[in-house]
Amino acid sequence: MTEPPFVGPAKLISAALICFCAGGLYGWSALIPVVENKFNGSTEQSGLVFSIAIVAFSIAVIVSPRFPPNFNGLRGCVLFGLCGAMCLVVAMMVPTYWLFLIAFGLGFGVCSGAIYINALATAAQASRPAVITPLMVASFGMGGAVYGLVWRSLVTQGWSAHALLPLVISLVVACLAGYIVDRRSIRLLVSLKEVSSNSTQVAKPGLFMLLWFSFALGSAGGLMVLGLAGKIVDSIGATATLTSIAIAGAAIGNTIGRLSVSGFNYAIQPVNTALLAVSVAAIGLIIMATTALPLLVVAGLITVAAGYGAVASTIPALVVSIYGKEKFARVFSYLFSAWGVAGLVAPWLAGVIHDRTGDFQMATLVALLATIGAVATLLSLKLIALK
């Protein structure tokens, strides 16, 4: 069996730029004041926007790889990127919360998910997928870091929903660049049906379910606090400056966690990297659950973000190493439903708990329990499925 054709750096960079823009979805918490001020929404409604976005994102990840080849790879990134830009323009203009929910949560969520899986599929066909795939995941996280900070600044200055404009412009520019690269490429997009020789391990029957629950529980703990990061820090009396630092720090921590995976995977197995990641997230949640000091809560939040980011990058690398390049997009698209379930339940549940109890203490404890559950399933994965 032969290695798939090499995907050149121009395509990888173009896909990464569009994926970076799609990652703006992770900066959502900076837009919570838009829902609360422009639409007079509650914390629960703010959490619902992110929950719907994650469900839409997950559905797109599952469905997109099954589209015809012309809608996959870099070309798929370009097409869905332009659609995402249009959804964001609509979100800036709508007068009601429910239309904003549809345009941003549902519309941009779908486009962001389709971009994400197409960018990862492109990275998985590179000459060194164990390195490139986590970096592609990191580009998505970096988008959340940058746009979260930009949105926070613009919303504070009174831009409201028009704070989305920088993302619209950069997304259109990235898509135009990707279109040029795709048109000038001599080689066709690499087919995911080609056979890879980089994995010789035979997947055992229970492996997929262990992966699914590991991903779901490991994501739920992070999403429960990161989806409402700004609100959590505001609720303990932090200054506006510290809240901005928390949002930016969480996004940066998320990105650093994602970037660190490539290095760790050289030294230890991906499953061990995942165990390290959820352990880091658990430490952050313990800090958040045991203190009310704003600085310590922010430190805990950033720690959770780093662990969560590492989980997000480790799972794709683990899928490639077990199932190979041939099956990556299909297997990972199904596996990503775990993140969708976590994304539907976690931010919404955190908002509900806050509205019922008046704080995020109980939500943090629930997030910690989910993370401990992820440790248990990953240990099972290591001791049973991968022994």
Protein backbone atom coordinates (compact mmCIF):
# COMPACT_ATOMS: atom_id res chain seq x y z
CA MET A 1 0.00 0.00 0.00
CA THR A 2 1.29 3.45 -0.88
CA GLU A 3 1.20 6.78 0.84
CA PRO A 4 -1.40 9.24 -0.54
CA PRO A 5 -0.14 12.07 -2.77
CA PHE A 6 1.42 14.96 -0.89
CA VAL A 7 -0.89 17.90 -0.19
CA GLY A 8 1.15 21.02 -0.86
CA PRO A 9 1.71 23.82 1.66
CA ALA A 10 -0.41 26.30 -0.33
CA LYS A 11 -3.53 24.18 0.17
CA LEU A 12 -2.73 23.51 3.80
CA ILE A 13 -2.18 27.21 4.55
CA SER A 14 -5.35 28.22 2.67
CA ALA A 15 -7.42 25.63 4.54
CA ALA A 16 -5.87 26.75 7.84
CA LEU A 17 -6.76 30.41 7.20
CA ILE A 18 -10.39 29.59 6.47
CA CYS A 19 -10.46 27.23 9.47
CA PHE A 20 -9.03 30.07 11.58
CA CYS A 21 -11.97 32.27 10.58
CA ALA A 22 -14.45 29.47 11.27
CA GLY A 23 -12.97 29.23 14.76
CA GLY A 24 -14.56 32.58 15.53
CA LEU A 25 -17.45 30.41 16.74
CA TYR A 26 -15.34 29.68 19.83
CA GLY A 27 -15.20 33.37 20.67
CA TRP A 28 -18.97 33.36 21.24
CA SER A 29 -18.89 34.31 24.92
CA ALA A 30 -17.68 37.80 23.96
CA LEU A 31 -21.01 38.29 22.15
CA ILE A 32 -23.20 37.40 25.13
CA PRO A 33 -23.80 41.13 25.90
CA VAL A 34 -25.34 41.44 22.42
CA VAL A 35 -28.03 38.92 23.37
CA GLU A 36 -28.56 40.45 26.81
CA ASN A 37 -28.58 44.11 25.74
CA LYS A 38 -29.86 44.24 22.16
CA PHE A 39 -32.42 41.45 22.53
CA ASN A 40 -33.04 41.63 26.31
CA GLY A 41 -32.14 37.95 26.55
CA SER A 42 -31.33 35.83 29.62
CA THR A 43 -28.23 33.80 30.45
CA GLU A 44 -30.17 30.71 29.43
CA GLN A 45 -30.88 32.23 26.01
CA SER A 46 -27.22 33.15 25.62
CA GLY A 47 -26.23 29.56 26.36
CA LEU A 48 -28.85 28.33 23.91
CA VAL A 49 -27.20 30.20 21.02
CA PHE A 50 -23.93 28.37 21.62
CA SER A 51 -25.72 25.05 22.17
CA ILE A 52 -27.58 25.35 18.86
CA ALA A 53 -24.34 26.39 17.15
CA ILE A 54 -22.57 23.29 18.45
CA VAL A 55 -25.39 20.98 17.37
CA ALA A 56 -25.41 22.57 13.90
CA PHE A 57 -21.62 22.34 13.83
CA SER A 58 -21.70 18.64 14.70
CA ILE A 59 -24.37 17.79 12.12
CA ALA A 60 -22.29 19.52 9.46
CA VAL A 61 -19.19 17.56 10.51
CA ILE A 62 -21.13 14.29 10.12
CA VAL A 63 -22.85 15.15 6.83
CA SER A 64 -20.21 17.14 4.95
CA PRO A 65 -17.79 14.25 4.16
CA ARG A 66 -20.66 12.50 2.36
CA PHE A 67 -21.13 15.34 -0.13
CA PRO A 68 -19.79 14.95 -3.72
CA PRO A 69 -16.01 15.55 -4.13
CA ASN A 70 -16.55 19.08 -5.47
CA PHE A 71 -17.86 20.07 -2.02
CA ASN A 72 -14.98 18.54 -0.07
CA GLY A 73 -11.41 19.48 0.81
CA LEU A 74 -10.21 23.02 0.23
CA ARG A 75 -13.03 23.66 -2.22
CA GLY A 76 -15.52 22.76 0.50
CA CYS A 77 -13.79 25.19 2.88
CA VAL A 78 -14.20 27.97 0.32
CA LEU A 79 -17.87 27.27 -0.46
CA PHE A 80 -18.96 26.95 3.15
CA GLY A 81 -16.78 29.90 4.13
CA LEU A 82 -18.65 32.19 1.77
CA CYS A 83 -21.98 30.83 3.04
CA GLY A 84 -20.81 31.46 6.60
CA ALA A 85 -19.95 35.06 5.75
CA MET A 86 -23.49 35.57 4.44
CA CYS A 87 -24.96 34.11 7.64
CA LEU A 88 -22.91 36.51 9.72
CA VAL A 89 -24.11 39.49 7.65
CA VAL A 90 -27.70 38.41 8.31
CA ALA A 91 -26.91 38.02 12.04
CA MET A 92 -25.69 41.64 12.13
CA MET A 93 -28.94 42.94 10.63
CA VAL A 94 -31.75 40.94 12.26
CA PRO A 95 -34.02 42.71 14.79
CA THR A 96 -35.00 39.78 17.05
CA TYR A 97 -33.27 37.18 19.20
CA TRP A 98 -34.79 34.20 17.39
CA LEU A 99 -33.60 35.40 13.98
CA PHE A 100 -30.14 35.97 15.47
CA LEU A 101 -30.26 32.45 16.89
CA ILE A 102 -31.04 31.06 13.42
CA ALA A 103 -28.49 33.18 11.54
CA PHE A 104 -25.55 32.84 13.94
CA GLY A 105 -26.30 29.69 15.91
CA LEU A 106 -27.74 27.55 13.14
CA GLY A 107 -26.36 29.15 9.95
CA PHE A 108 -22.81 30.00 10.97
CA GLY A 109 -22.68 26.86 13.13
CA VAL A 110 -23.34 24.64 10.09
CA CYS A 111 -20.80 26.47 7.93
CA SER A 112 -18.17 26.42 10.66
CA GLY A 113 -18.58 22.66 11.13
CA ALA A 114 -18.33 21.97 7.38
CA ILE A 115 -15.17 24.07 7.18
CA TYR A 116 -13.67 22.30 10.19
CA ILE A 117 -14.05 18.74 8.89
CA ASN A 118 -12.91 19.70 5.37
CA ALA A 119 -9.83 21.43 6.77
CA LEU A 120 -9.02 18.41 8.96
CA ALA A 121 -9.55 16.03 6.04
CA THR A 122 -7.07 18.09 4.01
CA ALA A 123 -4.56 18.02 6.88
CA ALA A 124 -4.99 14.25 7.35
CA GLN A 125 -3.75 13.71 3.79
CA ALA A 126 -0.49 15.62 4.37
CA SER A 127 2.83 13.82 4.49
CA ARG A 128 2.96 14.03 8.34
CA PRO A 129 -0.66 13.95 9.59
CA ALA A 130 0.33 13.41 13.25
CA VAL A 131 1.85 16.90 13.20
CA ILE A 132 -0.32 18.73 10.66
CA THR A 133 -3.73 17.59 11.93
CA PRO A 134 -3.29 18.99 15.48
CA LEU A 135 -1.95 22.22 13.96
CA MET A 136 -5.07 22.51 11.80
CA VAL A 137 -7.21 22.01 14.92
CA ALA A 138 -5.11 24.69 16.60
CA SER A 139 -5.84 27.16 13.79
CA PHE A 140 -9.52 26.79 14.63
CA GLY A 141 -8.83 27.50 18.30
CA MET A 142 -6.69 30.51 17.44
CA GLY A 143 -9.66 32.00 15.61
CA GLY A 144 -11.64 31.89 18.83
CA ALA A 145 -8.80 33.61 20.68
CA VAL A 146 -8.44 36.45 18.20
CA TYR A 147 -12.08 37.12 17.40
CA GLY A 148 -13.17 36.73 21.01
CA LEU A 149 -10.80 39.54 21.96
CA VAL A 150 -11.83 41.69 18.98
CA TRP A 151 -15.53 41.19 19.67
CA ARG A 152 -15.15 41.97 23.36
CA SER A 153 -13.43 45.26 22.51
CA LEU A 154 -15.95 46.27 19.84
CA VAL A 155 -19.00 45.30 21.90
CA THR A 156 -17.65 47.39 24.78
CA GLN A 157 -17.39 50.32 22.36
CA GLY A 158 -21.05 49.93 21.40
CA TRP A 159 -20.77 48.04 18.10
CA SER A 160 -23.32 45.44 19.27
CA ALA A 161 -23.92 42.77 16.58
CA HIS A 162 -21.87 44.79 14.06
CA ALA A 163 -18.80 43.55 15.94
CA LEU A 164 -19.10 40.55 13.57
CA LEU A 165 -17.93 42.71 10.64
CA PRO A 166 -14.15 42.00 11.00
CA LEU A 167 -14.84 38.26 10.82
CA VAL A 168 -17.01 38.71 7.72
CA ILE A 169 -14.25 40.63 5.93
CA SER A 170 -11.43 38.25 6.88
CA LEU A 171 -13.53 35.19 6.00
CA VAL A 172 -14.31 36.52 2.53
CA VAL A 173 -10.64 37.39 1.92
CA ALA A 174 -9.49 33.94 3.10
CA CYS A 175 -12.05 32.24 0.85
CA LEU A 176 -10.96 34.25 -2.18
CA ALA A 177 -7.35 33.27 -1.52
CA GLY A 178 -8.39 29.63 -1.13
CA TYR A 179 -10.32 29.79 -4.40
CA ILE A 180 -7.23 31.04 -6.24
CA VAL A 181 -5.06 28.30 -4.73
CA ASP A 182 -7.63 25.64 -5.61
CA ARG A 183 -7.98 26.86 -9.20
CA ARG A 184 -4.23 26.97 -9.76
CA SER A 185 -3.56 23.57 -8.24
CA ILE A 186 -2.38 21.02 -10.79
CA ARG A 187 -3.25 17.99 -8.71
CA LEU A 188 -6.79 17.01 -7.82
CA LEU A 189 -7.91 17.08 -4.19
CA VAL A 190 -6.65 13.96 -2.45
CA SER A 191 -9.36 11.28 -2.26
CA LEU A 192 -10.13 9.93 1.18
CA LYS A 193 -10.64 6.53 -0.44
CA GLU A 194 -6.90 6.09 -0.95
CA VAL A 195 -5.30 3.58 1.39
CA SER A 196 -2.86 4.69 4.03
CA SER A 197 -0.09 2.58 5.49
CA ASN A 198 0.49 4.68 8.58
CA SER A 199 -1.67 2.51 10.82
CA THR A 200 -1.46 -1.21 11.32
CA GLN A 201 -3.63 -1.50 14.41
CA VAL A 202 -6.95 -3.30 14.04
CA ALA A 203 -9.76 -1.45 15.80
CA LYS A 204 -11.54 -3.58 18.40
CA PRO A 205 -15.36 -3.63 18.58
CA GLY A 206 -15.71 -1.52 21.74
CA LEU A 207 -13.12 1.05 20.71
CA PHE A 208 -15.46 3.46 18.99
CA MET A 209 -17.82 3.72 21.98
CA LEU A 210 -14.92 4.27 24.36
CA LEU A 211 -13.65 7.01 22.05
CA TRP A 212 -17.15 8.49 21.85
CA PHE A 213 -17.68 8.73 25.61
CA SER A 214 -14.13 9.97 26.16
CA PHE A 215 -14.71 12.78 23.66
CA ALA A 216 -18.19 13.59 24.99
CA LEU A 217 -17.26 13.73 28.67
CA GLY A 218 -13.89 15.39 28.06
CA SER A 219 -15.59 18.08 25.97
CA ALA A 220 -18.59 18.60 28.26
CA GLY A 221 -16.48 19.72 31.20
CA GLY A 222 -14.69 22.35 29.14
CA LEU A 223 -17.72 23.55 27.18
CA MET A 224 -19.80 23.99 30.31
CA VAL A 225 -17.48 26.74 31.57
CA LEU A 226 -15.85 28.03 28.36
CA GLY A 227 -19.16 28.62 26.60
CA LEU A 228 -20.08 31.17 29.27
CA ALA A 229 -16.59 32.27 30.33
CA GLY A 230 -17.29 36.00 30.24
CA LYS A 231 -20.48 35.61 32.25
CA ILE A 232 -18.77 33.41 34.85
CA VAL A 233 -16.03 35.95 35.51
CA ASP A 234 -18.48 38.86 35.52
CA SER A 235 -20.68 37.02 38.06
CA ILE A 236 -17.93 37.02 40.72
CA GLY A 237 -17.40 40.77 40.52
CA ALA A 238 -14.40 40.92 38.21
CA THR A 239 -13.52 44.19 36.52
CA ALA A 240 -14.16 44.69 32.81
CA THR A 241 -10.42 44.48 32.20
CA LEU A 242 -10.10 41.17 34.04
CA THR A 243 -13.10 39.78 32.17
CA SER A 244 -11.44 40.70 28.87
CA ILE A 245 -8.24 39.03 30.06
CA ALA A 246 -10.23 35.92 31.01
CA ILE A 247 -11.87 35.65 27.59
CA ALA A 248 -8.60 36.20 25.75
CA GLY A 249 -6.68 33.98 28.18
CA ALA A 250 -9.17 31.12 27.83
CA ALA A 251 -8.95 31.31 24.04
CA ILE A 252 -5.14 31.48 24.15
CA GLY A 253 -5.00 28.61 26.65
CA ASN A 254 -7.28 26.61 24.35
CA THR A 255 -4.91 27.29 21.45
CA ILE A 256 -1.76 26.45 23.43
CA GLY A 257 -3.35 23.18 24.49
CA ARG A 258 -4.09 22.31 20.87
CA LEU A 259 -0.61 23.25 19.70
CA SER A 260 1.08 21.21 22.43
CA VAL A 261 -0.40 17.94 21.19
CA SER A 262 2.01 17.51 18.27
CA GLY A 263 4.98 17.56 20.63
CA PHE A 264 3.41 15.28 23.23
CA ASN A 265 2.38 12.73 20.60
CA TYR A 266 6.04 12.31 19.66
CA ALA A 267 6.96 11.42 23.23
CA ILE A 268 3.91 9.45 24.37
CA GLN A 269 0.91 7.71 22.83
CA PRO A 270 -2.10 9.90 21.94
CA VAL A 271 -4.23 8.16 24.57
CA ASN A 272 -1.71 9.22 27.22
CA THR A 273 -1.79 12.75 25.84
CA ALA A 274 -5.57 12.70 26.21
CA LEU A 275 -5.30 11.48 29.81
CA LEU A 276 -2.88 14.30 30.56
CA ALA A 277 -5.25 16.78 28.91
CA VAL A 278 -8.34 15.84 30.93
CA SER A 279 -6.24 15.78 34.11
CA VAL A 280 -5.17 19.37 33.43
CA ALA A 281 -8.80 20.35 32.83
CA ALA A 282 -9.81 18.69 36.11
CA ILE A 283 -7.19 20.70 38.01
CA GLY A 284 -8.57 23.90 36.52
CA LEU A 285 -12.13 22.97 37.48
CA ILE A 286 -11.05 22.15 41.03
CA ILE A 287 -9.49 25.62 41.30
CA MET A 288 -12.69 27.23 40.02
CA ALA A 289 -14.86 25.20 42.40
CA THR A 290 -12.87 25.99 45.52
CA THR A 291 -12.35 29.75 45.28
CA ALA A 292 -14.28 32.94 44.66
CA LEU A 293 -11.21 35.13 44.09
CA PRO A 294 -11.47 36.56 40.56
CA LEU A 295 -7.77 36.10 39.74
CA LEU A 296 -7.81 32.45 40.79
CA VAL A 297 -11.04 31.79 38.93
CA VAL A 298 -9.49 33.25 35.78
CA ALA A 299 -6.38 31.09 36.31
CA GLY A 300 -8.58 28.03 36.68
CA LEU A 301 -10.56 28.97 33.58
CA ILE A 302 -7.40 29.26 31.50
CA THR A 303 -6.19 25.91 32.82
CA VAL A 304 -9.48 24.27 31.85
CA ALA A 305 -9.17 25.82 28.39
CA ALA A 306 -5.67 24.41 27.92
CA GLY A 307 -6.81 20.91 28.86
CA TYR A 308 -9.90 21.14 26.69
CA GLY A 309 -7.86 22.35 23.72
CA ALA A 310 -5.46 19.41 24.08
CA VAL A 311 -8.39 16.97 24.10
CA ALA A 312 -9.79 18.55 20.94
CA SER A 313 -6.47 18.05 19.11
CA THR A 314 -5.66 14.62 20.51
CA ILE A 315 -8.85 12.86 19.41
CA PRO A 316 -8.33 13.46 15.64
CA ALA A 317 -4.71 12.30 15.92
CA LEU A 318 -5.88 9.21 17.79
CA VAL A 319 -8.41 8.43 15.05
CA VAL A 320 -5.75 8.73 12.34
CA SER A 321 -3.34 6.46 14.23
CA ILE A 322 -5.98 3.77 14.82
CA TYR A 323 -8.13 3.86 11.68
CA GLY A 324 -5.69 5.32 9.12
CA LYS A 325 -6.09 8.07 6.54
CA GLU A 326 -8.51 6.05 4.46
CA LYS A 327 -11.23 6.01 7.12
CA PHE A 328 -10.39 9.22 8.99
CA ALA A 329 -13.11 11.55 7.67
CA ARG A 330 -15.87 8.95 7.93
CA VAL A 331 -14.94 7.70 11.42
CA PHE A 332 -14.20 11.15 12.84
CA SER A 333 -17.41 12.60 11.43
CA TYR A 334 -19.43 10.01 13.37
CA LEU A 335 -17.24 10.39 16.44
CA PHE A 336 -17.74 14.15 16.40
CA SER A 337 -21.39 13.61 17.36
CA ALA A 338 -19.98 13.19 20.89
CA TRP A 339 -18.82 16.80 20.83
CA GLY A 340 -22.23 17.81 19.47
CA VAL A 341 -24.08 16.12 22.32
CA ALA A 342 -21.75 17.72 24.85
CA GLY A 343 -22.15 21.09 23.16
CA LEU A 344 -25.95 20.85 23.19
CA VAL A 345 -26.21 19.94 26.85
CA ALA A 346 -23.27 21.65 28.58
CA PRO A 347 -23.60 25.42 27.83
CA TRP A 348 -27.39 25.28 28.07
CA LEU A 349 -27.26 23.37 31.35
CA ALA A 350 -24.74 25.83 32.77
CA GLY A 351 -27.11 28.70 31.93
CA VAL A 352 -30.09 26.90 33.45
CA ILE A 353 -28.18 26.13 36.66
CA HIS A 354 -27.09 29.76 36.93
CA ASP A 355 -30.62 31.07 36.47
CA ARG A 356 -31.93 28.63 39.09
CA THR A 357 -29.17 29.00 41.71
CA GLY A 358 -27.80 32.48 41.04
CA ASP A 359 -24.19 31.38 40.47
CA PHE A 360 -22.02 28.90 38.56
CA GLN A 361 -20.80 26.84 41.55
CA MET A 362 -23.02 23.84 40.85
CA ALA A 363 -22.31 24.01 37.11
CA THR A 364 -18.58 23.86 37.83
CA LEU A 365 -19.05 20.76 39.99
CA VAL A 366 -21.07 19.07 37.24
CA ALA A 367 -18.30 19.93 34.77
CA LEU A 368 -15.74 18.38 37.14
CA LEU A 369 -17.76 15.16 37.41
CA ALA A 370 -17.93 14.92 33.60
CA THR A 371 -14.16 15.40 33.36
CA ILE A 372 -13.55 12.68 35.95
CA GLY A 373 -15.78 10.45 33.83
CA ALA A 374 -13.53 11.20 30.85
CA VAL A 375 -10.51 10.04 32.87
CA ALA A 376 -12.29 6.76 33.57
CA THR A 377 -13.23 6.09 29.94
CA LEU A 378 -9.74 6.98 28.69
CA LEU A 379 -8.20 4.59 31.21
CA SER A 380 -10.55 1.91 29.91
CA LEU A 381 -9.48 2.79 26.38
CA LYS A 382 -5.85 2.38 27.36
CA LEU A 383 -6.14 -0.71 29.53
CA ILE A 384 -8.71 -2.65 27.51
CA ALA A 385 -9.07 -1.49 23.92
CA LEU A 386 -5.46 -0.51 23.18
CA LYS A 387 -3.54 -3.10 25.21
